[in-house]
Each structure stands twice: as C-alpha cells, then as structure tokens.
Amino acid sequence: MSYNLEIEKKGHFLFVSAFGIRTHETLIAIAEKVVGACIKHSVVETLVDISNLEGRLSISDSYLIATKNFPKLHRLGVLKRVVLVDSEKNVERIQFFGRIAQGLGMNIHVFMNIDEALELISSEEVYQ
C-alpha cells in the first residue's frame, strides 16, 4: 500500500487529504486510519479528500468496499457523518459507492468540489 495522509482537526470535524495509489486495500487502510484519528481527536464528522489518489477502482471493488468493509467500520459507531471528495474522472464510481453506503444507513455525502464539501461540513455542527 502506497499512500500518505494529511490529517487536520478543523473545529468539529477532521479534514483528511489522501495521496498515493488508489486500490481496494489502500482505501480500506485509509478508512481505518480516519476512524482511528477521529477517536484520537474526539470528533464524529470527517471530510476525506481522495481526489489526489491515482488510479480507478472497478465497480466490483467499489461495491465490496461499500457493502463489506465500510459497514464494519460503521458499526463501531465512531463516525456520524462522512463527506467524501473525489475527482470528476471517478464520479461514477464514487457516486455508486455513496448510493450503496447511504442505502445501508451510513451518513455519507459525495462531492466533486472541495469548496462545496467544506461548505456542508463547516456548517453548524450536526452531531455532538
């Protein structure tokens, strides 16, 4: 797994930027680190910018992450809201992932624009 994370607490949420190679394993590892960082910083909301990851996932990998891997992390009850930002070239995959995750009860919002994502998560804190 080849990736780097920049993690910053911004008020009531964690802002995470990911860099490196986009693989199934990398995305799971990033998600696990984000959950750990949220616990460490006592926050329940996060914005994760994966737009700088190189490569694309297959539809089946997107589906597996949304149905098998993320629900395990969701059951931990740490994160109440996740805002994801990805690049336009991955719009189909990330929106597919987002719809499945939302259908499974996760509070996930997907954006292609960092400013719109920041506007949503910077608005009044929703979860205590």
Protein backbone atom coordinates (compact mmCIF):
# COMPACT_ATOMS: atom_id res chain seq x y z
CA MET A 1 0.00 0.00 0.00
CA SER A 2 1.44 3.28 -1.08
CA TYR A 3 -0.32 6.31 0.32
CA ASN A 4 0.14 9.33 2.58
CA LEU A 5 -2.43 11.14 4.70
CA GLU A 6 -2.57 14.73 5.86
CA ILE A 7 -4.88 14.97 8.86
CA GLU A 8 -6.02 18.23 10.43
CA LYS A 9 -8.67 18.93 13.04
CA LYS A 10 -10.80 21.87 11.91
CA GLY A 11 -13.23 22.77 14.67
CA HIS A 12 -15.79 19.99 14.98
CA PHE A 13 -14.51 17.82 12.12
CA LEU A 14 -11.40 16.12 10.81
CA PHE A 15 -10.08 17.14 7.39
CA VAL A 16 -8.13 14.35 5.71
CA SER A 17 -6.30 14.54 2.38
CA ALA A 18 -5.08 11.30 0.83
CA PHE A 19 -2.26 10.96 -1.70
CA GLY A 20 -0.93 7.87 -3.45
CA ILE A 21 -2.26 4.90 -5.37
CA ARG A 22 -5.98 4.07 -5.30
CA THR A 23 -6.51 0.38 -4.58
CA HIS A 24 -9.10 -1.57 -2.63
CA GLU A 25 -6.54 -2.19 0.12
CA THR A 26 -5.38 1.42 0.22
CA LEU A 27 -8.92 2.75 0.61
CA ILE A 28 -9.66 0.32 3.44
CA ALA A 29 -6.41 1.26 5.19
CA ILE A 30 -7.22 4.96 4.80
CA ALA A 31 -10.71 4.43 6.22
CA GLU A 32 -9.28 2.60 9.23
CA LYS A 33 -6.76 5.38 9.85
CA VAL A 34 -9.51 8.00 9.58
CA VAL A 35 -11.60 6.18 12.19
CA GLY A 36 -8.57 5.97 14.48
CA ALA A 37 -7.80 9.67 14.01
CA CYS A 38 -11.43 10.58 14.76
CA ILE A 39 -11.22 8.63 18.02
CA LYS A 40 -7.91 10.30 18.89
CA HIS A 41 -9.29 13.80 18.21
CA SER A 42 -12.76 13.11 19.68
CA VAL A 43 -14.69 14.03 16.53
CA VAL A 44 -17.58 12.25 14.80
CA GLU A 45 -17.54 14.07 11.46
CA THR A 46 -14.88 13.98 8.76
CA LEU A 47 -14.16 15.28 5.30
CA VAL A 48 -11.93 12.93 3.33
CA ASP A 49 -10.43 14.22 0.09
CA ILE A 50 -9.40 11.27 -2.09
CA SER A 51 -9.26 13.30 -5.31
CA ASN A 52 -5.45 13.12 -5.39
CA LEU A 53 -5.31 9.33 -5.35
CA GLU A 54 -4.11 7.92 -8.67
CA GLY A 55 -5.93 5.15 -10.48
CA ARG A 56 -9.51 3.85 -10.54
CA LEU A 57 -11.34 1.09 -8.76
CA SER A 58 -13.50 -1.41 -10.53
CA ILE A 59 -17.24 -1.30 -9.95
CA SER A 60 -16.93 -4.59 -8.05
CA ASP A 61 -14.29 -3.12 -5.71
CA SER A 62 -16.49 -0.08 -5.09
CA TYR A 63 -19.38 -2.41 -4.30
CA LEU A 64 -17.31 -4.60 -1.97
CA ILE A 65 -15.97 -1.62 -0.05
CA ALA A 66 -19.47 -0.19 0.37
CA THR A 67 -21.12 -3.48 1.37
CA LYS A 68 -18.40 -5.42 3.21
CA ASN A 69 -15.65 -3.15 4.51
CA PHE A 70 -17.31 0.14 5.39
CA PRO A 71 -20.23 -1.42 7.29
CA LYS A 72 -17.69 -2.99 9.69
CA LEU A 73 -16.26 0.45 10.40
CA HIS A 74 -19.72 1.99 10.58
CA ARG A 75 -20.75 -0.50 13.27
CA LEU A 76 -18.03 0.90 15.51
CA GLY A 77 -20.27 3.96 15.91
CA VAL A 78 -17.39 6.44 15.73
CA LEU A 79 -18.35 8.41 12.62
CA LYS A 80 -21.75 10.06 12.38
CA ARG A 81 -21.12 11.93 9.09
CA VAL A 82 -18.57 11.39 6.32
CA VAL A 83 -18.07 13.80 3.44
CA LEU A 84 -16.03 12.41 0.55
CA VAL A 85 -14.43 14.44 -2.22
CA ASP A 86 -13.19 12.79 -5.39
CA SER A 87 -12.18 13.96 -8.85
CA GLU A 88 -14.54 14.19 -11.81
CA LYS A 89 -12.82 11.26 -13.51
CA ASN A 90 -14.08 8.99 -10.71
CA VAL A 91 -17.59 10.45 -10.48
CA GLU A 92 -19.41 7.25 -11.48
CA ARG A 93 -17.54 5.03 -9.01
CA ILE A 94 -17.76 7.37 -6.02
CA GLN A 95 -21.44 8.16 -6.60
CA PHE A 96 -22.16 4.42 -6.92
CA PHE A 97 -20.29 3.82 -3.66
CA GLY A 98 -22.13 6.69 -1.97
CA ARG A 99 -25.59 5.45 -3.01
CA ILE A 100 -24.88 1.96 -1.72
CA ALA A 101 -23.42 3.21 1.56
CA GLN A 102 -26.39 5.54 2.10
CA GLY A 103 -28.76 2.66 1.35
CA LEU A 104 -27.04 0.71 4.13
CA GLY A 105 -27.71 3.54 6.58
CA MET A 106 -24.42 5.39 6.53
CA ASN A 107 -24.45 9.19 6.55
CA ILE A 108 -22.13 9.75 3.58
CA HIS A 109 -22.12 12.71 1.23
CA VAL A 110 -20.15 12.67 -2.03
CA PHE A 111 -18.78 15.74 -3.78
CA MET A 112 -16.57 16.51 -6.75
CA ASN A 113 -15.88 20.03 -5.47
CA ILE A 114 -13.87 20.63 -2.30
CA ASP A 115 -15.46 24.03 -1.67
CA GLU A 116 -18.99 22.57 -1.69
CA ALA A 117 -17.87 19.77 0.61
CA LEU A 118 -16.26 22.23 3.03
CA GLU A 119 -19.40 24.36 2.98
CA LEU A 120 -21.54 21.39 4.03
CA ILE A 121 -19.31 20.11 6.79
CA SER A 122 -18.35 23.57 8.04
CA SER A 123 -21.99 24.45 8.56
CA GLU A 124 -23.45 24.15 12.00
CA GLU A 125 -22.23 21.07 13.83
CA VAL A 126 -24.88 18.42 13.44
CA TYR A 127 -23.60 15.72 15.79
CA GLN A 128 -22.34 16.00 19.35
